[in-house]
Amino acid sequence: MIAPNWIAVIPSIVLTLYSLKKISDYRLPQRNNTKKITLAIMGFLFGLSSIFITYMAIRSWTMVLILLINIAAVCWSILYGQKR
């Protein structure tokens, strides 16, 4: 195996927690946050599902692929969140 399960699960956990923080940030009364809330909820659901998928994955290439997708998703959400 190239990467143990927990190494591949860590980005999913980071994405899930970051999305939860963004959801709580965007719930404050501001103008037109529906798109950002939707993206944060999608990130949260993606993080949860990839935690499950990664933990249950048997083949190492699947875990590495999910790991790369999660790293890209975390970077994208951080960059998108700072644009405002």
C-alpha atoms as a PDB file:
ATOM      1  CA  MET A   1       0.000   0.000   0.000  1.00  0.00           C
ATOM      2  CA  ILE A   2       1.258   3.444  -0.882  1.00  0.00           C
ATOM      3  CA  ALA A   3      -0.579   5.358   1.847  1.00  0.00           C
ATOM      4  CA  PRO A   4      -2.246   4.112   5.046  1.00  0.00           C
ATOM      5  CA  ASN A   5      -5.938   4.816   5.453  1.00  0.00           C
ATOM      6  CA  TRP A   6      -5.500   7.560   8.035  1.00  0.00           C
ATOM      7  CA  ILE A   7      -3.060   9.585   5.929  1.00  0.00           C
ATOM      8  CA  ALA A   8      -5.645   9.653   3.146  1.00  0.00           C
ATOM      9  CA  VAL A   9      -8.503  10.446   5.566  1.00  0.00           C
ATOM     10  CA  ILE A  10      -6.835  13.559   7.057  1.00  0.00           C
ATOM     11  CA  PRO A  11      -7.584  15.913   4.090  1.00  0.00           C
ATOM     12  CA  SER A  12     -11.212  14.784   4.180  1.00  0.00           C
ATOM     13  CA  ILE A  13     -11.436  15.666   7.860  1.00  0.00           C
ATOM     14  CA  VAL A  14      -9.803  19.055   7.191  1.00  0.00           C
ATOM     15  CA  LEU A  15     -12.249  19.749   4.350  1.00  0.00           C
ATOM     16  CA  THR A  16     -15.232  18.720   6.494  1.00  0.00           C
ATOM     17  CA  LEU A  17     -14.223  20.917   9.444  1.00  0.00           C
ATOM     18  CA  TYR A  18     -13.338  23.861   7.188  1.00  0.00           C
ATOM     19  CA  SER A  19     -16.713  23.595   5.449  1.00  0.00           C
ATOM     20  CA  LEU A  20     -18.489  23.518   8.813  1.00  0.00           C
ATOM     21  CA  LYS A  21     -16.634  26.707   9.805  1.00  0.00           C
ATOM     22  CA  LYS A  22     -17.618  28.360   6.521  1.00  0.00           C
ATOM     23  CA  ILE A  23     -21.273  27.352   6.982  1.00  0.00           C
ATOM     24  CA  SER A  24     -21.292  28.971  10.420  1.00  0.00           C
ATOM     25  CA  ASP A  25     -19.543  32.085   9.027  1.00  0.00           C
ATOM     26  CA  TYR A  26     -22.022  32.509   6.174  1.00  0.00           C
ATOM     27  CA  ARG A  27     -25.087  32.102   8.402  1.00  0.00           C
ATOM     28  CA  LEU A  28     -24.498  35.620   9.711  1.00  0.00           C
ATOM     29  CA  PRO A  29     -26.965  38.099   8.192  1.00  0.00           C
ATOM     30  CA  GLN A  30     -25.186  39.409   5.127  1.00  0.00           C
ATOM     31  CA  ARG A  31     -26.068  40.013   1.501  1.00  0.00           C
ATOM     32  CA  ASN A  32     -26.594  37.063  -0.889  1.00  0.00           C
ATOM     33  CA  ASN A  33     -24.717  34.270   0.795  1.00  0.00           C
ATOM     34  CA  THR A  34     -26.819  31.446  -0.654  1.00  0.00           C
ATOM     35  CA  LYS A  35     -24.202  30.467  -3.262  1.00  0.00           C
ATOM     36  CA  LYS A  36     -21.423  30.397  -0.677  1.00  0.00           C
ATOM     37  CA  ILE A  37     -23.569  28.426   1.805  1.00  0.00           C
ATOM     38  CA  THR A  38     -24.426  25.924  -0.939  1.00  0.00           C
ATOM     39  CA  LEU A  39     -20.722  25.499  -1.811  1.00  0.00           C
ATOM     40  CA  ALA A  40     -19.829  25.081   1.872  1.00  0.00           C
ATOM     41  CA  ILE A  41     -22.548  22.446   2.351  1.00  0.00           C
ATOM     42  CA  MET A  42     -21.364  20.634  -0.797  1.00  0.00           C
ATOM     43  CA  GLY A  43     -17.804  20.690   0.573  1.00  0.00           C
ATOM     44  CA  PHE A  44     -19.043  19.329   3.893  1.00  0.00           C
ATOM     45  CA  LEU A  45     -20.944  16.465   2.225  1.00  0.00           C
ATOM     46  CA  PHE A  46     -18.003  15.738  -0.091  1.00  0.00           C
ATOM     47  CA  GLY A  47     -15.670  15.643   2.903  1.00  0.00           C
ATOM     48  CA  LEU A  48     -17.920  13.243   4.800  1.00  0.00           C
ATOM     49  CA  SER A  49     -18.404  10.942   1.824  1.00  0.00           C
ATOM     50  CA  SER A  50     -14.697  10.885   1.003  1.00  0.00           C
ATOM     51  CA  ILE A  51     -13.859  10.049   4.639  1.00  0.00           C
ATOM     52  CA  PHE A  52     -16.134   7.029   4.303  1.00  0.00           C
ATOM     53  CA  ILE A  53     -14.932   6.072   0.823  1.00  0.00           C
ATOM     54  CA  THR A  54     -11.260   6.478   1.745  1.00  0.00           C
ATOM     55  CA  TYR A  55     -11.569   4.505   4.948  1.00  0.00           C
ATOM     56  CA  MET A  56     -13.376   1.682   3.150  1.00  0.00           C
ATOM     57  CA  ALA A  57     -11.049   1.692   0.115  1.00  0.00           C
ATOM     58  CA  ILE A  58      -8.960  -1.402  -0.401  1.00  0.00           C
ATOM     59  CA  ARG A  59      -6.752  -0.515  -3.374  1.00  0.00           C
ATOM     60  CA  SER A  60      -3.965   1.991  -2.834  1.00  0.00           C
ATOM     61  CA  TRP A  61      -4.411   3.859  -6.139  1.00  0.00           C
ATOM     62  CA  THR A  62      -7.991   4.661  -5.144  1.00  0.00           C
ATOM     63  CA  MET A  63      -6.799   6.179  -1.869  1.00  0.00           C
ATOM     64  CA  VAL A  64      -4.090   8.199  -3.586  1.00  0.00           C
ATOM     65  CA  LEU A  65      -6.619   9.524  -6.130  1.00  0.00           C
ATOM     66  CA  ILE A  66      -9.053  10.516  -3.372  1.00  0.00           C
ATOM     67  CA  LEU A  67      -6.175  12.104  -1.443  1.00  0.00           C
ATOM     68  CA  LEU A  68      -5.221  14.266  -4.439  1.00  0.00           C
ATOM     69  CA  ILE A  69      -8.862  15.234  -5.076  1.00  0.00           C
ATOM     70  CA  ASN A  70      -9.260  16.232  -1.419  1.00  0.00           C
ATOM     71  CA  ILE A  71      -6.104  18.330  -1.406  1.00  0.00           C
ATOM     72  CA  ALA A  72      -7.319  20.123  -4.546  1.00  0.00           C
ATOM     73  CA  ALA A  73     -10.767  20.656  -3.004  1.00  0.00           C
ATOM     74  CA  VAL A  74      -9.301  22.058   0.223  1.00  0.00           C
ATOM     75  CA  CYS A  75      -7.028  24.454  -1.695  1.00  0.00           C
ATOM     76  CA  TRP A  76      -9.907  25.541  -3.938  1.00  0.00           C
ATOM     77  CA  SER A  77     -12.260  26.184  -1.032  1.00  0.00           C
ATOM     78  CA  ILE A  78      -9.594  28.157   0.849  1.00  0.00           C
ATOM     79  CA  LEU A  79      -8.847  30.291  -2.219  1.00  0.00           C
ATOM     80  CA  TYR A  80     -12.554  30.774  -2.958  1.00  0.00           C
ATOM     81  CA  GLY A  81     -13.273  31.688   0.672  1.00  0.00           C
ATOM     82  CA  GLN A  82     -10.581  34.385   0.669  1.00  0.00           C
ATOM     83  CA  LYS A  83     -11.806  36.030  -2.544  1.00  0.00           C
ATOM     84  CA  ARG A  84     -15.034  37.443  -1.075  1.00  0.00           C
END
